[in-house]
Amino acid sequence: MRGLLNFLYLFKRSQTTRYKPVILVTGCSSGIGLAIAELLASQKNYRLVVTARETSLETLYAKFEENEDLWIRPLDVTDPASRLILVGEIRQKWRGVDILVNNAGISYRAVIEHMTVEDELHQFHTNYFGPTALIRAVLPHMRETGRGKIINVSSVSGMLAMPTMASYSASKHALEGLSEALWYEVKPLGINVTLVQPGFVNSKSFTRVHYTRKSDPTLSEELYSDYYEHMTPFIERLMGLSRTTPEQVAKKVLKVIQLQDPPLWVPATPDANIFYYLRRFIPRNLLLPLLFALLPKARLWANRYTHRR
């Protein structure tokens, strides 16, 4: 049923109103965020604010030329002051944000035992608390105008967790749960909420993962070395084999922006649909053993250290 609905949404009536919405996109320095920014900048019917951390702004200035309809601004989604200043400036100039694209995010590569409280907070402040705070900041304007869109870029990790990516998966599960509840809360106000769910995308994002002190490849302890040794190239290989590019994901986001009533869930890669149906139709007592068997040499992990009986 969900696949049919996602197929049908492509044929829904696009918005035909003449107003020029203000779009705020976070995390535009690379990957999917940069592709979204470039695609939206090529359109003539939007006012666009592309953002990145202060240290990454040079990339945006090299890609875009500012004008009255395109701003380049610093934004650290984890910093309350940074969020407040930007939303305030947009409100003063353009009354407010009409469409929020929460794309900024990070991913830690670490097993649970190698994460510290500080690492977990960094993961969640970037992927969950920051985006949530931005949603709260832009909602008043959307409520006043009676329309608006909140587009949260999630991940298949928000459907199924993977070893060495537990905290990233947890943050995306949290974002998915919030988005689903928010969908109910703002629908009566004329506001749409959509989760765009990429799976494996052919990009270099795997080179930008964060490591903790204990999961650092040069320092990691022997106990979990098998996990890192096999999962890292496994993920890189799947990304390299993917035929989905950041530009194709950006087109999904643009389609959501153009639709008058977009759905909550929009799979952005073929594997996102596959993972959905795996979880839906395979019994729970079979699903995890099946997925575990598909992981590279998983049955040999930690064999030298285990005390299982």
Protein backbone atom coordinates (compact mmCIF):
# COMPACT_ATOMS: atom_id res chain seq x y z
CA MET A 1 0.00 0.00 0.00
CA ARG A 2 2.76 2.44 0.94
CA GLY A 3 4.57 1.79 -2.34
CA LEU A 4 1.39 2.51 -4.29
CA LEU A 5 0.84 5.75 -2.39
CA ASN A 6 4.43 6.84 -3.01
CA PHE A 7 3.96 6.07 -6.71
CA LEU A 8 0.71 8.01 -6.90
CA TYR A 9 2.10 11.08 -5.19
CA LEU A 10 4.23 11.77 -8.27
CA PHE A 11 1.04 12.56 -10.15
CA LYS A 12 -0.51 14.85 -7.58
CA ARG A 13 -1.29 18.39 -8.58
CA SER A 14 1.65 20.70 -8.05
CA GLN A 15 1.20 24.08 -6.46
CA THR A 16 0.02 26.74 -8.85
CA THR A 17 -0.05 29.71 -6.49
CA ARG A 18 1.96 32.78 -7.44
CA TYR A 19 3.56 33.50 -4.09
CA LYS A 20 7.34 33.26 -3.85
CA PRO A 21 8.10 31.10 -0.83
CA VAL A 22 11.18 31.58 1.32
CA ILE A 23 13.16 28.33 1.59
CA LEU A 24 15.78 27.72 4.28
CA VAL A 25 18.14 24.79 3.63
CA THR A 26 20.63 23.59 6.24
CA GLY A 27 23.89 21.74 5.68
CA CYS A 28 24.60 22.94 2.13
CA SER A 29 28.39 22.62 2.01
CA SER A 30 28.48 19.16 0.41
CA GLY A 31 26.55 16.07 -0.65
CA ILE A 32 22.77 16.12 -0.69
CA GLY A 33 22.57 19.59 0.89
CA LEU A 34 24.75 21.14 -1.82
CA ALA A 35 22.75 19.37 -4.53
CA ILE A 36 19.48 20.69 -3.06
CA ALA A 37 20.90 24.21 -2.90
CA GLU A 38 22.12 24.10 -6.51
CA LEU A 39 18.82 22.77 -7.81
CA LEU A 40 16.71 25.32 -5.93
CA ALA A 41 19.04 28.14 -6.98
CA SER A 42 18.36 27.22 -10.62
CA GLN A 43 14.63 27.82 -10.06
CA LYS A 44 13.29 31.36 -10.41
CA ASN A 45 10.21 31.16 -8.22
CA TYR A 46 11.81 30.88 -4.78
CA ARG A 47 13.66 33.03 -2.30
CA LEU A 48 16.46 30.85 -1.02
CA VAL A 49 18.70 30.87 2.06
CA VAL A 50 21.58 28.38 1.80
CA THR A 51 23.55 27.75 4.96
CA ALA A 52 26.62 26.01 6.34
CA ARG A 53 28.93 26.30 9.29
CA GLU A 54 31.21 29.32 9.27
CA THR A 55 34.19 27.14 8.36
CA SER A 56 32.44 25.86 5.20
CA LEU A 57 31.07 29.13 3.80
CA GLU A 58 33.88 29.46 1.25
CA THR A 59 32.43 26.47 -0.58
CA LEU A 60 29.07 28.21 -0.90
CA TYR A 61 30.57 31.51 -2.02
CA ALA A 62 32.46 29.62 -4.72
CA LYS A 63 29.25 27.95 -5.93
CA PHE A 64 26.68 30.73 -5.62
CA GLU A 65 26.39 34.45 -6.26
CA GLU A 66 24.25 36.27 -3.73
CA ASN A 67 21.36 38.41 -4.93
CA GLU A 68 18.06 39.70 -3.60
CA ASP A 69 16.54 36.21 -3.83
CA LEU A 70 19.52 34.12 -2.72
CA TRP A 71 21.34 34.51 0.58
CA ILE A 72 24.40 32.69 1.85
CA ARG A 73 24.44 32.61 5.64
CA PRO A 74 26.37 30.89 8.43
CA LEU A 75 24.35 28.48 10.53
CA ASP A 76 25.40 26.04 13.21
CA VAL A 77 22.19 24.11 13.87
CA THR A 78 23.50 23.12 17.32
CA ASP A 79 23.94 26.75 18.42
CA PRO A 80 20.82 28.53 19.75
CA ALA A 81 22.29 31.97 19.05
CA SER A 82 23.14 31.05 15.45
CA ARG A 83 19.60 29.79 14.86
CA LEU A 84 18.04 32.84 16.49
CA ILE A 85 20.08 35.35 14.49
CA LEU A 86 19.35 33.73 11.13
CA VAL A 87 15.61 33.20 11.67
CA GLY A 88 15.35 36.76 13.00
CA GLU A 89 17.07 38.18 9.93
CA ILE A 90 14.78 36.22 7.60
CA ARG A 91 11.73 37.35 9.55
CA GLN A 92 12.80 40.99 9.37
CA LYS A 93 13.40 40.91 5.60
CA TRP A 94 10.88 38.36 4.32
CA ARG A 95 8.47 37.90 7.26
CA GLY A 96 9.57 34.31 7.85
CA VAL A 97 10.47 30.89 6.49
CA ASP A 98 7.80 29.23 4.34
CA ILE A 99 9.68 25.99 3.65
CA LEU A 100 12.30 24.50 5.97
CA VAL A 101 14.62 21.78 4.64
CA ASN A 102 16.37 20.18 7.60
CA ASN A 103 19.30 18.50 5.90
CA ALA A 104 22.29 19.16 8.18
CA GLY A 105 23.54 16.04 9.92
CA ILE A 106 26.55 14.04 11.02
CA SER A 107 27.24 10.34 11.50
CA TYR A 108 29.43 8.68 14.10
CA ARG A 109 31.12 5.39 13.22
CA ALA A 110 31.32 3.67 16.59
CA VAL A 111 29.83 0.79 18.53
CA ILE A 112 27.78 1.76 21.59
CA GLU A 113 30.57 0.91 24.01
CA HIS A 114 32.89 3.36 22.22
CA MET A 115 30.50 6.32 22.46
CA THR A 116 30.74 8.79 25.32
CA VAL A 117 27.96 11.03 26.64
CA GLU A 118 29.63 13.95 24.86
CA ASP A 119 29.70 12.00 21.58
CA GLU A 120 26.02 11.08 21.93
CA LEU A 121 25.06 14.69 22.65
CA HIS A 122 27.00 15.91 19.61
CA GLN A 123 25.21 13.35 17.43
CA PHE A 124 21.77 14.27 18.75
CA HIS A 125 22.27 18.04 18.88
CA THR A 126 23.15 17.98 15.18
CA ASN A 127 20.63 15.43 13.91
CA TYR A 128 17.70 15.93 16.26
CA PHE A 129 17.73 18.79 18.78
CA GLY A 130 18.98 21.37 16.26
CA PRO A 131 16.44 20.52 13.54
CA THR A 132 13.68 20.38 16.16
CA ALA A 133 14.60 23.85 17.44
CA LEU A 134 14.52 25.22 13.89
CA ILE A 135 11.06 23.73 13.41
CA ARG A 136 9.85 25.51 16.55
CA ALA A 137 11.42 28.76 15.32
CA VAL A 138 9.69 28.75 11.91
CA LEU A 139 6.27 27.39 12.89
CA PRO A 140 4.77 30.69 14.16
CA HIS A 141 5.12 32.29 10.71
CA MET A 142 3.69 29.22 9.01
CA ARG A 143 0.73 29.22 11.39
CA GLU A 144 0.08 32.91 10.74
CA THR A 145 0.07 32.44 6.97
CA GLY A 146 -1.82 29.14 7.09
CA ARG A 147 0.65 27.25 4.94
CA GLY A 148 4.19 25.94 4.97
CA LYS A 149 6.35 22.86 4.55
CA ILE A 150 8.80 21.14 6.87
CA ILE A 151 11.02 18.69 4.99
CA ASN A 152 13.29 16.55 7.14
CA VAL A 153 16.02 14.64 5.34
CA SER A 154 16.16 11.33 7.19
CA SER A 155 17.80 8.02 6.28
CA VAL A 156 17.07 4.32 5.94
CA SER A 157 18.89 4.18 9.28
CA GLY A 158 15.67 5.66 10.65
CA MET A 159 13.97 2.40 9.60
CA LEU A 160 16.64 -0.20 10.30
CA ALA A 161 19.71 0.19 12.51
CA MET A 162 23.18 -1.01 11.55
CA PRO A 163 26.11 -2.07 13.75
CA THR A 164 28.75 0.65 14.33
CA MET A 165 26.09 3.28 13.54
CA ALA A 166 23.81 2.92 16.56
CA SER A 167 23.79 6.56 17.66
CA TYR A 168 23.26 7.81 14.12
CA SER A 169 20.38 5.35 13.71
CA ALA A 170 18.92 6.44 17.05
CA SER A 171 19.00 10.10 16.03
CA LYS A 172 17.24 9.33 12.74
CA HIS A 173 14.65 7.14 14.48
CA ALA A 174 13.99 10.10 16.79
CA LEU A 175 13.61 12.48 13.84
CA GLU A 176 11.19 10.09 12.15
CA GLY A 177 9.08 9.77 15.28
CA LEU A 178 8.96 13.53 15.76
CA SER A 179 8.00 14.09 12.13
CA GLU A 180 5.17 11.60 12.30
CA ALA A 181 3.70 13.23 15.42
CA LEU A 182 4.24 16.69 13.95
CA TRP A 183 2.35 15.66 10.80
CA TYR A 184 -0.80 15.25 12.91
CA GLU A 185 -0.20 18.42 14.92
CA VAL A 186 0.23 20.85 12.03
CA LYS A 187 -2.03 19.32 9.36
CA PRO A 188 -5.08 21.25 10.70
CA LEU A 189 -2.99 24.43 10.43
CA GLY A 190 -2.32 24.00 6.71
CA ILE A 191 1.31 22.92 7.19
CA ASN A 192 2.85 19.82 5.56
CA VAL A 193 5.56 17.58 7.02
CA THR A 194 7.61 15.21 4.87
CA LEU A 195 10.44 12.78 5.57
CA VAL A 196 12.74 12.30 2.58
CA GLN A 197 14.47 8.97 3.19
CA PRO A 198 17.71 8.35 1.29
CA GLY A 199 19.45 5.01 1.54
CA PHE A 200 22.82 4.37 -0.03
CA VAL A 201 23.77 7.35 -2.20
CA ASN A 202 26.74 7.43 -4.54
CA SER A 203 28.78 10.09 -2.80
CA LYS A 204 31.85 10.58 -0.63
CA SER A 205 29.88 11.17 2.55
CA PHE A 206 31.42 8.05 4.11
CA THR A 207 34.73 9.93 4.22
CA ARG A 208 33.19 12.55 6.52
CA VAL A 209 32.06 10.22 9.30
CA HIS A 210 33.04 11.05 12.87
CA TYR A 211 35.07 8.71 15.03
CA THR A 212 35.27 8.68 18.80
CA ARG A 213 38.51 8.32 20.69
CA LYS A 214 37.95 4.58 21.03
CA SER A 215 36.59 3.95 17.53
CA ASP A 216 39.40 5.83 15.78
CA PRO A 217 40.85 3.26 13.31
CA THR A 218 44.38 4.00 14.53
CA LEU A 219 43.46 3.54 18.20
CA SER A 220 40.50 1.15 18.37
CA GLU A 221 40.87 -1.80 20.72
CA GLU A 222 41.01 -5.37 19.47
CA LEU A 223 37.61 -6.45 20.82
CA TYR A 224 35.60 -4.55 18.18
CA SER A 225 38.25 -4.39 15.46
CA ASP A 226 36.41 -7.01 13.37
CA TYR A 227 33.30 -4.83 13.33
CA TYR A 228 35.12 -1.79 11.99
CA GLU A 229 37.32 -3.80 9.65
CA HIS A 230 34.35 -5.28 7.82
CA MET A 231 31.57 -2.72 8.19
CA THR A 232 33.53 0.28 6.90
CA PRO A 233 34.41 -1.18 3.46
CA PHE A 234 30.97 -2.84 3.31
CA ILE A 235 29.19 0.51 3.58
CA GLU A 236 31.64 2.18 1.20
CA ARG A 237 31.08 -0.57 -1.35
CA LEU A 238 27.29 -0.27 -1.17
CA MET A 239 27.55 3.49 -1.65
CA GLY A 240 29.86 3.01 -4.60
CA LEU A 241 27.45 0.55 -6.22
CA SER A 242 24.44 2.82 -5.74
CA ARG A 243 23.05 4.45 -8.87
CA THR A 244 21.37 7.20 -6.86
CA THR A 245 23.22 10.51 -6.83
CA PRO A 246 22.77 13.49 -4.50
CA GLU A 247 21.26 15.33 -7.47
CA GLN A 248 18.52 12.70 -7.77
CA VAL A 249 17.70 13.02 -4.08
CA ALA A 250 17.55 16.80 -4.57
CA LYS A 251 14.94 16.30 -7.29
CA LYS A 252 12.81 14.37 -4.79
CA VAL A 253 13.01 17.33 -2.42
CA LEU A 254 12.04 19.75 -5.20
CA LYS A 255 9.04 17.57 -6.06
CA VAL A 256 7.91 17.68 -2.43
CA ILE A 257 8.23 21.48 -2.49
CA GLN A 258 6.14 21.67 -5.66
CA LEU A 259 3.36 19.39 -4.45
CA GLN A 260 0.37 20.96 -2.79
CA ASP A 261 -0.16 18.05 -0.41
CA PRO A 262 2.98 15.85 -0.26
CA PRO A 263 3.03 12.57 1.70
CA LEU A 264 4.81 12.09 4.99
CA TRP A 265 7.19 9.40 3.72
CA VAL A 266 9.14 9.80 0.47
CA PRO A 267 11.75 7.08 -0.17
CA ALA A 268 14.62 8.65 -2.08
CA THR A 269 16.49 5.50 -3.18
CA PRO A 270 15.42 2.00 -4.27
CA ASP A 271 16.90 0.39 -1.15
CA ALA A 272 14.76 2.68 1.04
CA ASN A 273 11.69 0.96 -0.42
CA ILE A 274 13.30 -2.48 -0.03
CA PHE A 275 14.11 -1.89 3.65
CA TYR A 276 10.57 -0.69 4.29
CA TYR A 277 9.05 -3.87 2.89
CA LEU A 278 11.61 -6.09 4.62
CA ARG A 279 10.58 -4.66 7.97
CA ARG A 280 6.90 -4.76 7.13
CA PHE A 281 6.52 -8.29 5.77
CA ILE A 282 9.30 -10.41 7.26
CA PRO A 283 8.46 -11.68 10.78
CA ARG A 284 10.51 -10.02 13.49
CA ASN A 285 12.00 -13.29 14.72
CA LEU A 286 13.41 -13.87 11.21
CA LEU A 287 14.33 -10.34 10.15
CA LEU A 288 17.34 -9.70 12.38
CA PRO A 289 18.94 -13.15 11.86
CA LEU A 290 18.51 -12.62 8.10
CA LEU A 291 20.12 -9.19 8.16
CA PHE A 292 22.88 -10.41 10.47
CA ALA A 293 23.69 -13.21 8.02
CA LEU A 294 24.05 -10.64 5.24
CA LEU A 295 26.70 -8.65 7.10
CA PRO A 296 30.28 -9.39 6.01
CA LYS A 297 31.76 -12.27 8.08
CA ALA A 298 29.51 -11.30 11.00
CA ARG A 299 29.57 -14.81 12.49
CA LEU A 300 33.31 -14.46 12.99
CA TRP A 301 33.15 -11.11 14.76
CA ALA A 302 34.83 -11.08 18.18
CA ASN A 303 35.32 -14.86 18.16
CA ARG A 304 38.61 -14.44 20.00
CA TYR A 305 36.97 -12.50 22.82
CA THR A 306 33.46 -13.83 23.25
CA HIS A 307 32.35 -15.66 26.41
CA ARG A 308 28.94 -16.61 25.01
CA ARG A 309 27.53 -19.96 26.08
